[in-house]
Amino acid sequence: MATKPGERRLQILQTLAGMLETPKGEKITTAALAAKLECSEAALYRHFASKAQMYDGLIEFIEQSLFSVINQITTDEEQGLNQVEQIIALLLRFAQKNRGMTRVLIGDTLVNENERLQLRINALLDKVEASLKQALRIAATQENLKHDADFGALANLLRCYAVGRWEQYARSGFSREPLAQWPQQWPMLYFACLSQSGTPGSD
């Protein structure tokens, strides 16, 4: 039975993501991808105009996967600090379950690709940071965070924590899992949020 165009595109992206899971992190070529799929490079280009477009597909998957859950968290959970906890846990859990996607998120696989791809990842992370900042603002309105806290600095700190755990996971050959110390580290981050105080207007 012939594979439908949409199914073949998904198969290509799934194979690419699987190849990205190798701890050694070799550069992936369209020739290697085609060999893995047992097809010609020309067959790949019938579905994607370039390798950059394939990475675009992976980034789109990441964005949809993360923000569908983030939007659900912010809708279902009323407490701001609980939103923060759940969003960070989501970021760690997603990376742990999707090794290849983790290398895309940290830009490891994008070094020699179109710079537009890294800019897209940066925009995605900025959007995550904005979600954390909004959750912190909500926590302040609920009297769970100081009103003069620097929400921007806190949100950036939390973003850097998640990205740092992703980096450690990838650089360790996927042996140091992002969720490994989360139960111990969240109380530390929580305390940092509660004790932080900035200057009025710094949000």
N, C-alpha and C. Protein backbone atom coordinates (compact mmCIF):
# COMPACT_ATOMS: atom_id res chain seq x y z
N MET A 1 0.84 -1.19 0.00
CA MET A 1 0.00 0.00 0.00
C MET A 1 0.88 1.25 0.00
N ALA A 2 0.58 2.19 -0.86
CA ALA A 2 1.37 3.41 -0.97
C ALA A 2 1.17 4.29 0.26
N THR A 3 2.27 4.95 0.66
CA THR A 3 2.21 5.85 1.80
C THR A 3 1.65 7.19 1.37
N LYS A 4 0.72 7.73 2.12
CA LYS A 4 0.16 9.04 1.80
C LYS A 4 1.20 10.12 2.04
N PRO A 5 1.15 11.24 1.29
CA PRO A 5 2.14 12.31 1.42
C PRO A 5 2.33 12.78 2.87
N GLY A 6 1.22 13.01 3.59
CA GLY A 6 1.31 13.46 4.97
C GLY A 6 1.97 12.44 5.87
N GLU A 7 1.68 11.17 5.63
CA GLU A 7 2.28 10.09 6.42
C GLU A 7 3.77 9.97 6.14
N ARG A 8 4.15 10.16 4.88
CA ARG A 8 5.56 10.08 4.52
C ARG A 8 6.34 11.23 5.14
N ARG A 9 5.76 12.42 5.15
CA ARG A 9 6.41 13.57 5.79
C ARG A 9 6.65 13.29 7.27
N LEU A 10 5.64 12.74 7.93
CA LEU A 10 5.76 12.42 9.34
C LEU A 10 6.84 11.35 9.57
N GLN A 11 6.87 10.37 8.68
CA GLN A 11 7.87 9.31 8.78
C GLN A 11 9.28 9.88 8.65
N ILE A 12 9.45 10.82 7.74
CA ILE A 12 10.77 11.47 7.55
C ILE A 12 11.17 12.21 8.83
N LEU A 13 10.24 12.97 9.41
CA LEU A 13 10.54 13.74 10.62
C LEU A 13 10.82 12.82 11.80
N GLN A 14 10.08 11.73 11.91
CA GLN A 14 10.30 10.78 13.00
C GLN A 14 11.68 10.12 12.88
N THR A 15 12.07 9.81 11.64
CA THR A 15 13.38 9.21 11.41
C THR A 15 14.50 10.19 11.72
N LEU A 16 14.31 11.44 11.30
CA LEU A 16 15.30 12.48 11.60
C LEU A 16 15.44 12.65 13.11
N ALA A 17 14.33 12.72 13.82
CA ALA A 17 14.37 12.86 15.28
C ALA A 17 15.09 11.68 15.91
N GLY A 18 14.85 10.48 15.39
CA GLY A 18 15.52 9.30 15.91
C GLY A 18 17.02 9.34 15.69
N MET A 19 17.44 9.84 14.53
CA MET A 19 18.87 9.94 14.24
C MET A 19 19.56 10.97 15.14
N LEU A 20 18.79 11.98 15.56
CA LEU A 20 19.35 13.02 16.43
C LEU A 20 19.59 12.51 17.85
N GLU A 21 19.08 11.34 18.17
CA GLU A 21 19.23 10.81 19.52
C GLU A 21 20.60 10.19 19.78
N THR A 22 21.43 10.09 18.76
CA THR A 22 22.75 9.51 18.97
C THR A 22 23.57 10.42 19.88
N PRO A 23 24.13 9.90 20.97
CA PRO A 23 24.89 10.71 21.92
C PRO A 23 26.11 11.40 21.31
N LYS A 24 26.70 10.78 20.28
CA LYS A 24 27.90 11.35 19.67
C LYS A 24 27.61 12.63 18.90
N GLY A 25 26.38 12.78 18.46
CA GLY A 25 25.98 14.02 17.81
C GLY A 25 26.62 14.30 16.47
N GLU A 26 26.80 13.26 15.64
CA GLU A 26 27.37 13.51 14.31
C GLU A 26 26.42 14.35 13.46
N LYS A 27 27.00 15.11 12.55
CA LYS A 27 26.19 15.92 11.65
C LYS A 27 25.38 14.98 10.75
N ILE A 28 24.10 15.28 10.63
CA ILE A 28 23.22 14.44 9.84
C ILE A 28 23.07 15.02 8.44
N THR A 29 23.31 14.20 7.44
CA THR A 29 23.18 14.63 6.06
C THR A 29 21.90 14.06 5.46
N THR A 30 21.44 14.68 4.37
CA THR A 30 20.26 14.16 3.70
C THR A 30 20.55 12.78 3.12
N ALA A 31 21.81 12.53 2.75
CA ALA A 31 22.19 11.23 2.21
C ALA A 31 22.01 10.15 3.28
N ALA A 32 22.46 10.45 4.51
CA ALA A 32 22.32 9.49 5.60
C ALA A 32 20.85 9.28 5.96
N LEU A 33 20.09 10.35 5.93
CA LEU A 33 18.66 10.25 6.22
C LEU A 33 17.95 9.41 5.16
N ALA A 34 18.30 9.65 3.91
CA ALA A 34 17.69 8.89 2.81
C ALA A 34 18.04 7.41 2.94
N ALA A 35 19.28 7.12 3.31
CA ALA A 35 19.71 5.72 3.46
C ALA A 35 18.92 5.04 4.58
N LYS A 36 18.70 5.79 5.65
CA LYS A 36 17.94 5.25 6.79
C LYS A 36 16.51 4.93 6.37
N LEU A 37 15.97 5.76 5.49
CA LEU A 37 14.60 5.57 5.03
C LEU A 37 14.51 4.65 3.82
N GLU A 38 15.68 4.25 3.33
CA GLU A 38 15.76 3.38 2.15
C GLU A 38 15.07 4.02 0.94
N CYS A 39 15.44 5.27 0.71
CA CYS A 39 14.91 5.99 -0.46
C CYS A 39 16.00 6.88 -1.00
N SER A 40 15.72 7.59 -2.07
CA SER A 40 16.72 8.50 -2.65
C SER A 40 16.59 9.88 -2.01
N GLU A 41 17.65 10.68 -2.14
CA GLU A 41 17.58 12.06 -1.65
C GLU A 41 16.50 12.83 -2.41
N ALA A 42 16.35 12.51 -3.69
CA ALA A 42 15.33 13.18 -4.50
C ALA A 42 13.94 12.92 -3.92
N ALA A 43 13.74 11.72 -3.38
CA ALA A 43 12.44 11.38 -2.77
C ALA A 43 12.19 12.25 -1.54
N LEU A 44 13.25 12.55 -0.78
CA LEU A 44 13.10 13.42 0.39
C LEU A 44 12.65 14.82 -0.04
N TYR A 45 13.27 15.30 -1.12
CA TYR A 45 12.99 16.67 -1.57
C TYR A 45 11.62 16.81 -2.21
N ARG A 46 10.95 15.70 -2.44
CA ARG A 46 9.57 15.79 -2.91
C ARG A 46 8.64 16.18 -1.76
N HIS A 47 9.11 15.97 -0.53
CA HIS A 47 8.30 16.29 0.65
C HIS A 47 8.80 17.53 1.39
N PHE A 48 10.09 17.79 1.30
CA PHE A 48 10.69 18.95 1.96
C PHE A 48 11.65 19.62 0.98
N ALA A 49 11.55 20.91 0.85
CA ALA A 49 12.39 21.64 -0.10
C ALA A 49 13.87 21.63 0.31
N SER A 50 14.13 21.47 1.61
CA SER A 50 15.50 21.50 2.11
C SER A 50 15.57 20.82 3.47
N LYS A 51 16.78 20.59 3.95
CA LYS A 51 16.94 20.02 5.29
C LYS A 51 16.46 21.02 6.34
N ALA A 52 16.65 22.30 6.05
CA ALA A 52 16.17 23.34 6.97
C ALA A 52 14.66 23.23 7.16
N GLN A 53 13.96 22.91 6.09
CA GLN A 53 12.51 22.77 6.19
C GLN A 53 12.14 21.56 7.06
N MET A 54 12.98 20.54 7.05
CA MET A 54 12.74 19.39 7.92
C MET A 54 12.88 19.81 9.38
N TYR A 55 13.91 20.60 9.68
CA TYR A 55 14.08 21.09 11.04
C TYR A 55 12.93 22.01 11.43
N ASP A 56 12.44 22.76 10.47
CA ASP A 56 11.25 23.59 10.72
C ASP A 56 10.09 22.72 11.20
N GLY A 57 9.95 21.56 10.56
CA GLY A 57 8.89 20.63 10.93
C GLY A 57 9.05 20.13 12.36
N LEU A 58 10.30 19.85 12.75
CA LEU A 58 10.56 19.40 14.12
C LEU A 58 10.26 20.51 15.13
N ILE A 59 10.68 21.73 14.81
CA ILE A 59 10.44 22.86 15.71
C ILE A 59 8.94 23.13 15.85
N GLU A 60 8.23 22.98 14.75
CA GLU A 60 6.77 23.15 14.81
C GLU A 60 6.14 22.12 15.73
N PHE A 61 6.64 20.88 15.65
CA PHE A 61 6.14 19.81 16.53
C PHE A 61 6.41 20.16 17.99
N ILE A 62 7.63 20.62 18.27
CA ILE A 62 8.00 21.00 19.65
C ILE A 62 7.08 22.10 20.16
N GLU A 63 6.91 23.12 19.34
CA GLU A 63 6.10 24.27 19.75
C GLU A 63 4.65 23.86 20.03
N GLN A 64 4.09 23.07 19.15
CA GLN A 64 2.71 22.62 19.34
C GLN A 64 2.58 21.73 20.57
N SER A 65 3.54 20.85 20.77
CA SER A 65 3.51 19.94 21.91
C SER A 65 3.60 20.69 23.23
N LEU A 66 4.51 21.65 23.31
CA LEU A 66 4.70 22.39 24.56
C LEU A 66 3.53 23.33 24.85
N PHE A 67 3.13 24.10 23.86
CA PHE A 67 2.15 25.14 24.15
C PHE A 67 0.72 24.63 24.24
N SER A 68 0.45 23.48 23.68
CA SER A 68 -0.87 22.90 23.89
C SER A 68 -1.04 22.55 25.37
N VAL A 69 0.05 22.08 26.00
CA VAL A 69 0.00 21.74 27.42
C VAL A 69 0.09 22.99 28.29
N ILE A 70 0.97 23.94 27.92
CA ILE A 70 1.08 25.18 28.69
C ILE A 70 -0.26 25.91 28.73
N ASN A 71 -0.92 25.97 27.59
CA ASN A 71 -2.23 26.63 27.54
C ASN A 71 -3.24 25.92 28.43
N GLN A 72 -3.14 24.60 28.47
CA GLN A 72 -4.04 23.82 29.33
C GLN A 72 -3.73 24.08 30.81
N ILE A 73 -2.44 24.17 31.13
CA ILE A 73 -2.03 24.46 32.50
C ILE A 73 -2.57 25.81 32.96
N THR A 74 -2.39 26.83 32.13
CA THR A 74 -2.82 28.18 32.52
C THR A 74 -4.34 28.31 32.56
N THR A 75 -5.03 27.41 31.87
CA THR A 75 -6.50 27.43 31.90
C THR A 75 -7.03 26.68 33.11
N ASP A 76 -6.44 25.53 33.42
CA ASP A 76 -6.96 24.66 34.47
C ASP A 76 -6.45 24.98 35.86
N GLU A 77 -5.23 25.53 35.96
CA GLU A 77 -4.62 25.79 37.26
C GLU A 77 -4.72 27.27 37.61
N GLU A 78 -5.36 27.58 38.73
CA GLU A 78 -5.58 28.97 39.12
C GLU A 78 -4.38 29.58 39.83
N GLN A 79 -3.65 28.77 40.60
CA GLN A 79 -2.54 29.29 41.39
C GLN A 79 -1.31 29.55 40.51
N GLY A 80 -0.81 30.77 40.56
CA GLY A 80 0.32 31.15 39.72
C GLY A 80 1.57 30.33 39.93
N LEU A 81 1.95 30.10 41.20
CA LEU A 81 3.17 29.34 41.46
C LEU A 81 3.02 27.87 41.06
N ASN A 82 1.80 27.36 41.15
CA ASN A 82 1.56 25.99 40.66
C ASN A 82 1.71 25.94 39.15
N GLN A 83 1.30 27.01 38.46
CA GLN A 83 1.50 27.08 37.01
C GLN A 83 2.99 27.04 36.68
N VAL A 84 3.77 27.81 37.44
CA VAL A 84 5.23 27.85 37.22
C VAL A 84 5.81 26.45 37.38
N GLU A 85 5.46 25.79 38.47
CA GLU A 85 5.98 24.44 38.73
C GLU A 85 5.62 23.47 37.61
N GLN A 86 4.38 23.52 37.17
CA GLN A 86 3.93 22.59 36.14
C GLN A 86 4.56 22.88 34.79
N ILE A 87 4.78 24.15 34.47
CA ILE A 87 5.40 24.51 33.19
C ILE A 87 6.85 24.02 33.15
N ILE A 88 7.60 24.24 34.23
CA ILE A 88 9.00 23.80 34.25
C ILE A 88 9.07 22.27 34.21
N ALA A 89 8.20 21.61 34.97
CA ALA A 89 8.18 20.15 34.95
C ALA A 89 7.88 19.64 33.54
N LEU A 90 7.00 20.33 32.83
CA LEU A 90 6.68 19.97 31.44
C LEU A 90 7.93 20.08 30.57
N LEU A 91 8.69 21.16 30.71
CA LEU A 91 9.89 21.36 29.90
C LEU A 91 10.91 20.25 30.13
N LEU A 92 11.06 19.86 31.39
CA LEU A 92 12.00 18.79 31.73
C LEU A 92 11.51 17.44 31.22
N ARG A 93 10.23 17.19 31.40
CA ARG A 93 9.64 15.90 30.99
C ARG A 93 9.68 15.74 29.47
N PHE A 94 9.39 16.82 28.74
CA PHE A 94 9.41 16.76 27.28
C PHE A 94 10.80 16.39 26.79
N ALA A 95 11.82 17.02 27.36
CA ALA A 95 13.20 16.73 26.95
C ALA A 95 13.57 15.28 27.25
N GLN A 96 13.18 14.82 28.44
CA GLN A 96 13.54 13.46 28.84
C GLN A 96 12.91 12.42 27.92
N LYS A 97 11.72 12.70 27.42
CA LYS A 97 11.02 11.76 26.54
C LYS A 97 11.41 11.92 25.07
N ASN A 98 12.03 13.05 24.72
CA ASN A 98 12.33 13.35 23.31
C ASN A 98 13.79 13.79 23.17
N ARG A 99 14.69 12.82 23.19
CA ARG A 99 16.12 13.12 23.16
C ARG A 99 16.53 13.94 21.94
N GLY A 100 16.07 13.51 20.77
CA GLY A 100 16.44 14.23 19.55
C GLY A 100 15.95 15.65 19.56
N MET A 101 14.73 15.86 20.06
CA MET A 101 14.16 17.21 20.14
C MET A 101 14.95 18.09 21.11
N THR A 102 15.53 17.46 22.15
CA THR A 102 16.35 18.20 23.11
C THR A 102 17.54 18.83 22.41
N ARG A 103 18.16 18.09 21.50
CA ARG A 103 19.31 18.62 20.77
C ARG A 103 18.90 19.76 19.85
N VAL A 104 17.67 19.73 19.37
CA VAL A 104 17.17 20.85 18.58
C VAL A 104 16.95 22.06 19.48
N LEU A 105 16.36 21.84 20.64
CA LEU A 105 16.06 22.93 21.58
C LEU A 105 17.31 23.67 22.04
N ILE A 106 18.41 22.94 22.25
CA ILE A 106 19.63 23.61 22.72
C ILE A 106 20.47 24.12 21.55
N GLY A 107 19.98 23.92 20.32
CA GLY A 107 20.68 24.45 19.15
C GLY A 107 21.85 23.61 18.70
N ASP A 108 22.06 22.47 19.34
CA ASP A 108 23.20 21.61 19.04
C ASP A 108 23.20 21.15 17.57
N THR A 109 22.02 20.83 17.08
CA THR A 109 21.91 20.31 15.71
C THR A 109 21.78 21.42 14.67
N LEU A 110 21.67 22.66 15.12
CA LEU A 110 21.41 23.77 14.19
C LEU A 110 22.66 24.60 13.88
N VAL A 111 23.80 24.19 14.43
CA VAL A 111 25.03 24.99 14.31
C VAL A 111 25.38 25.31 12.85
N ASN A 112 25.29 24.33 11.99
CA ASN A 112 25.67 24.55 10.58
C ASN A 112 24.47 24.67 9.66
N GLU A 113 23.30 24.93 10.25
CA GLU A 113 22.09 25.06 9.45
C GLU A 113 21.72 26.54 9.28
N ASN A 114 20.62 26.79 8.61
CA ASN A 114 20.14 28.16 8.40
C ASN A 114 19.95 28.86 9.74
N GLU A 115 20.52 30.07 9.88
CA GLU A 115 20.44 30.79 11.15
C GLU A 115 19.00 31.12 11.55
N ARG A 116 18.11 31.10 10.58
CA ARG A 116 16.69 31.35 10.85
C ARG A 116 16.13 30.33 11.83
N LEU A 117 16.66 29.10 11.79
CA LEU A 117 16.18 28.04 12.68
C LEU A 117 16.50 28.35 14.13
N GLN A 118 17.71 28.84 14.39
CA GLN A 118 18.08 29.20 15.76
C GLN A 118 17.24 30.37 16.24
N LEU A 119 16.96 31.30 15.35
CA LEU A 119 16.11 32.44 15.72
C LEU A 119 14.71 31.96 16.09
N ARG A 120 14.24 30.93 15.41
CA ARG A 120 12.92 30.39 15.71
C ARG A 120 12.92 29.71 17.09
N ILE A 121 14.00 29.00 17.41
CA ILE A 121 14.12 28.40 18.74
C ILE A 121 14.18 29.49 19.81
N ASN A 122 14.93 30.55 19.53
CA ASN A 122 15.01 31.66 20.48
C ASN A 122 13.63 32.26 20.75
N ALA A 123 12.84 32.40 19.69
CA ALA A 123 11.49 32.95 19.82
C ALA A 123 10.61 32.02 20.64
N LEU A 124 10.77 30.72 20.43
CA LEU A 124 10.00 29.73 21.19
C LEU A 124 10.33 29.84 22.69
N LEU A 125 11.62 29.96 23.00
CA LEU A 125 12.03 30.06 24.40
C LEU A 125 11.58 31.39 25.01
N ASP A 126 11.58 32.45 24.22
CA ASP A 126 11.07 33.73 24.70
C ASP A 126 9.59 33.61 25.06
N LYS A 127 8.87 32.85 24.27
CA LYS A 127 7.44 32.64 24.51
C LYS A 127 7.22 31.84 25.79
N VAL A 128 8.06 30.84 26.02
CA VAL A 128 7.99 30.07 27.26
C VAL A 128 8.27 30.99 28.45
N GLU A 129 9.29 31.83 28.31
CA GLU A 129 9.66 32.76 29.38
C GLU A 129 8.51 33.72 29.68
N ALA A 130 7.83 34.16 28.63
CA ALA A 130 6.68 35.06 28.81
C ALA A 130 5.56 34.36 29.58
N SER A 131 5.37 33.08 29.34
CA SER A 131 4.35 32.31 30.06
C SER A 131 4.70 32.21 31.54
N LEU A 132 5.98 32.00 31.82
CA LEU A 132 6.43 31.94 33.21
C LEU A 132 6.27 33.29 33.89
N LYS A 133 6.58 34.35 33.18
CA LYS A 133 6.46 35.70 33.73
C LYS A 133 5.01 36.01 34.07
N GLN A 134 4.09 35.61 33.20
CA GLN A 134 2.67 35.85 33.45
C GLN A 134 2.20 35.05 34.67
N ALA A 135 2.69 33.82 34.80
CA ALA A 135 2.32 33.00 35.96
C ALA A 135 2.83 33.64 37.26
N LEU A 136 4.01 34.23 37.22
CA LEU A 136 4.57 34.91 38.38
C LEU A 136 3.75 36.16 38.73
N ARG A 137 3.29 36.86 37.74
CA ARG A 137 2.43 38.03 37.97
C ARG A 137 1.14 37.60 38.67
N ILE A 138 0.59 36.48 38.21
CA ILE A 138 -0.63 35.95 38.83
C ILE A 138 -0.36 35.62 40.29
N ALA A 139 0.80 35.00 40.56
CA ALA A 139 1.17 34.65 41.94
C ALA A 139 1.23 35.89 42.81
N ALA A 140 1.71 37.00 42.25
CA ALA A 140 1.79 38.25 43.02
C ALA A 140 0.40 38.79 43.35
N THR A 141 -0.52 38.69 42.41
CA THR A 141 -1.89 39.16 42.67
C THR A 141 -2.57 38.29 43.71
N GLN A 142 -2.10 37.06 43.88
CA GLN A 142 -2.66 36.13 44.86
C GLN A 142 -1.92 36.21 46.20
N GLU A 143 -1.04 37.22 46.32
CA GLU A 143 -0.27 37.45 47.54
C GLU A 143 0.70 36.31 47.84
N ASN A 144 1.08 35.55 46.81
CA ASN A 144 2.06 34.47 46.98
C ASN A 144 3.46 34.88 46.55
N LEU A 145 3.58 36.10 46.09
CA LEU A 145 4.86 36.63 45.62
C LEU A 145 4.86 38.13 45.87
N LYS A 146 5.99 38.67 46.20
CA LYS A 146 6.06 40.09 46.49
C LYS A 146 5.69 40.91 45.26
N HIS A 147 4.93 41.95 45.48
CA HIS A 147 4.46 42.77 44.35
C HIS A 147 5.60 43.53 43.67
N ASP A 148 6.69 43.77 44.40
CA ASP A 148 7.82 44.49 43.79
C ASP A 148 8.88 43.53 43.26
N ALA A 149 8.53 42.24 43.17
CA ALA A 149 9.47 41.27 42.62
C ALA A 149 9.77 41.58 41.16
N ASP A 150 10.97 41.26 40.75
CA ASP A 150 11.35 41.46 39.35
C ASP A 150 10.91 40.22 38.57
N PHE A 151 9.69 40.27 38.05
CA PHE A 151 9.12 39.11 37.36
C PHE A 151 9.95 38.69 36.15
N GLY A 152 10.50 39.66 35.45
CA GLY A 152 11.31 39.36 34.27
C GLY A 152 12.57 38.58 34.64
N ALA A 153 13.24 39.03 35.72
CA ALA A 153 14.47 38.35 36.15
C ALA A 153 14.16 36.94 36.64
N LEU A 154 13.07 36.77 37.36
CA LEU A 154 12.69 35.45 37.86
C LEU A 154 12.35 34.50 36.72
N ALA A 155 11.57 35.00 35.76
CA ALA A 155 11.19 34.16 34.62
C ALA A 155 12.41 33.73 33.83
N ASN A 156 13.38 34.65 33.69
CA ASN A 156 14.60 34.31 32.96
C ASN A 156 15.44 33.29 33.73
N LEU A 157 15.49 33.42 35.04
CA LEU A 157 16.19 32.45 35.88
C LEU A 157 15.60 31.05 35.70
N LEU A 158 14.28 30.97 35.69
CA LEU A 158 13.60 29.68 35.54
C LEU A 158 13.84 29.10 34.15
N ARG A 159 13.82 29.96 33.15
CA ARG A 159 14.11 29.52 31.78
C ARG A 159 15.53 28.95 31.71
N CYS A 160 16.49 29.67 32.30
CA CYS A 160 17.89 29.23 32.25
C CYS A 160 18.08 27.91 32.99
N TYR A 161 17.32 27.70 34.05
CA TYR A 161 17.38 26.42 34.77
C TYR A 161 16.97 25.29 33.84
N ALA A 162 15.83 25.44 33.16
CA ALA A 162 15.34 24.39 32.26
C ALA A 162 16.32 24.13 31.12
N VAL A 163 16.80 25.20 30.50
CA VAL A 163 17.74 25.05 29.39
C VAL A 163 19.04 24.39 29.88
N GLY A 164 19.47 24.75 31.08
CA GLY A 164 20.67 24.14 31.65
C GLY A 164 20.51 22.65 31.85
N ARG A 165 19.33 22.24 32.31
CA ARG A 165 19.07 20.81 32.48
C ARG A 165 19.05 20.10 31.13
N TRP A 166 18.49 20.75 30.10
CA TRP A 166 18.51 20.18 28.73
C TRP A 166 19.95 20.00 28.27
N GLU A 167 20.77 21.04 28.47
CA GLU A 167 22.18 21.00 28.04
C GLU A 167 22.90 19.84 28.72
N GLN A 168 22.72 19.73 30.03
CA GLN A 168 23.38 18.68 30.78
C GLN A 168 22.96 17.30 30.29
N TYR A 169 21.69 17.15 29.98
CA TYR A 169 21.16 15.89 29.48
C TYR A 169 21.83 15.49 28.17
N ALA A 170 21.87 16.44 27.23
CA ALA A 170 22.46 16.16 25.92
C ALA A 170 23.96 15.93 26.01
N ARG A 171 24.66 16.79 26.78
CA ARG A 171 26.12 16.69 26.86
C ARG A 171 26.59 15.44 27.60
N SER A 172 25.70 14.86 28.42
CA SER A 172 26.07 13.66 29.18
C SER A 172 25.76 12.39 28.39
N GLY A 173 25.40 12.55 27.12
CA GLY A 173 25.03 11.38 26.33
C GLY A 173 23.70 10.83 26.78
N PHE A 174 22.84 11.73 27.29
CA PHE A 174 21.49 11.41 27.76
C PHE A 174 21.49 10.51 28.99
N SER A 175 22.54 10.61 29.80
CA SER A 175 22.59 9.81 31.03
C SER A 175 22.08 10.59 32.24
N ARG A 176 22.27 11.92 32.25
CA ARG A 176 21.82 12.74 33.38
C ARG A 176 20.44 13.31 33.07
N GLU A 177 19.43 12.60 33.49
CA GLU A 177 18.06 12.93 33.10
C GLU A 177 17.57 14.23 33.75
N PRO A 178 16.84 15.04 32.99
CA PRO A 178 16.38 16.35 33.48
C PRO A 178 15.53 16.27 34.74
N LEU A 179 14.73 15.21 34.88
CA LEU A 179 13.83 15.09 36.02
C LEU A 179 14.47 14.45 37.26
N ALA A 180 15.72 14.04 37.13
CA ALA A 180 16.38 13.27 38.20
C ALA A 180 16.34 13.98 39.55
N GLN A 181 16.64 15.26 39.61
CA GLN A 181 16.70 15.99 40.88
C GLN A 181 15.60 17.04 41.00
N TRP A 182 14.61 16.95 40.15
CA TRP A 182 13.53 17.93 40.16
C TRP A 182 12.82 18.01 41.51
N PRO A 183 12.48 16.90 42.17
CA PRO A 183 11.79 17.00 43.47
C PRO A 183 12.60 17.78 44.51
N GLN A 184 13.93 17.68 44.45
CA GLN A 184 14.77 18.41 45.39
C GLN A 184 14.99 19.86 44.96
N GLN A 185 15.03 20.10 43.65
CA GLN A 185 15.39 21.43 43.16
C GLN A 185 14.21 22.40 43.09
N TRP A 186 12.99 21.87 42.87
CA TRP A 186 11.86 22.78 42.81
C TRP A 186 11.68 23.56 44.11
N PRO A 187 11.78 22.95 45.31
CA PRO A 187 11.66 23.74 46.54
C PRO A 187 12.68 24.88 46.62
N MET A 188 13.88 24.65 46.06
CA MET A 188 14.90 25.70 46.05
C MET A 188 14.48 26.85 45.15
N LEU A 189 13.95 26.52 43.97
CA LEU A 189 13.48 27.54 43.05
C LEU A 189 12.27 28.26 43.63
N TYR A 190 11.41 27.50 44.28
CA TYR A 190 10.21 28.06 44.90
C TYR A 190 10.61 29.09 45.97
N PHE A 191 11.60 28.73 46.78
CA PHE A 191 12.07 29.63 47.82
C PHE A 191 12.69 30.89 47.20
N ALA A 192 13.41 30.71 46.09
CA ALA A 192 14.01 31.85 45.41
C ALA A 192 12.92 32.81 44.93
N CYS A 193 11.82 32.25 44.45
CA CYS A 193 10.70 33.09 44.00
C CYS A 193 10.08 33.84 45.17
N LEU A 194 9.89 33.15 46.29
CA LEU A 194 9.23 33.75 47.44
C LEU A 194 10.09 34.83 48.10
N SER A 195 11.39 34.64 48.10
CA SER A 195 12.28 35.56 48.81
C SER A 195 12.77 36.72 47.96
N GLN A 196 12.57 36.61 46.63
CA GLN A 196 13.11 37.64 45.74
C GLN A 196 12.29 38.91 45.83
N SER A 197 12.97 40.05 45.90
CA SER A 197 12.31 41.35 45.88
C SER A 197 13.12 42.30 45.03
N GLY A 198 12.44 42.99 44.14
CA GLY A 198 13.12 43.94 43.26
C GLY A 198 12.70 45.34 43.57
N THR A 199 12.76 46.20 42.57
CA THR A 199 12.34 47.58 42.75
C THR A 199 11.05 47.82 42.01
N PRO A 200 10.19 48.69 42.51
CA PRO A 200 8.91 48.96 41.85
C PRO A 200 9.13 49.34 40.38
N GLY A 201 8.31 48.76 39.53
CA GLY A 201 8.39 49.11 38.11
C GLY A 201 9.38 48.26 37.35
N SER A 202 10.01 47.27 38.00
CA SER A 202 11.02 46.46 37.34
C SER A 202 10.40 45.30 36.56
N ASP A 203 9.06 45.19 36.61
CA ASP A 203 8.41 44.11 35.89
C ASP A 203 8.13 44.52 34.47
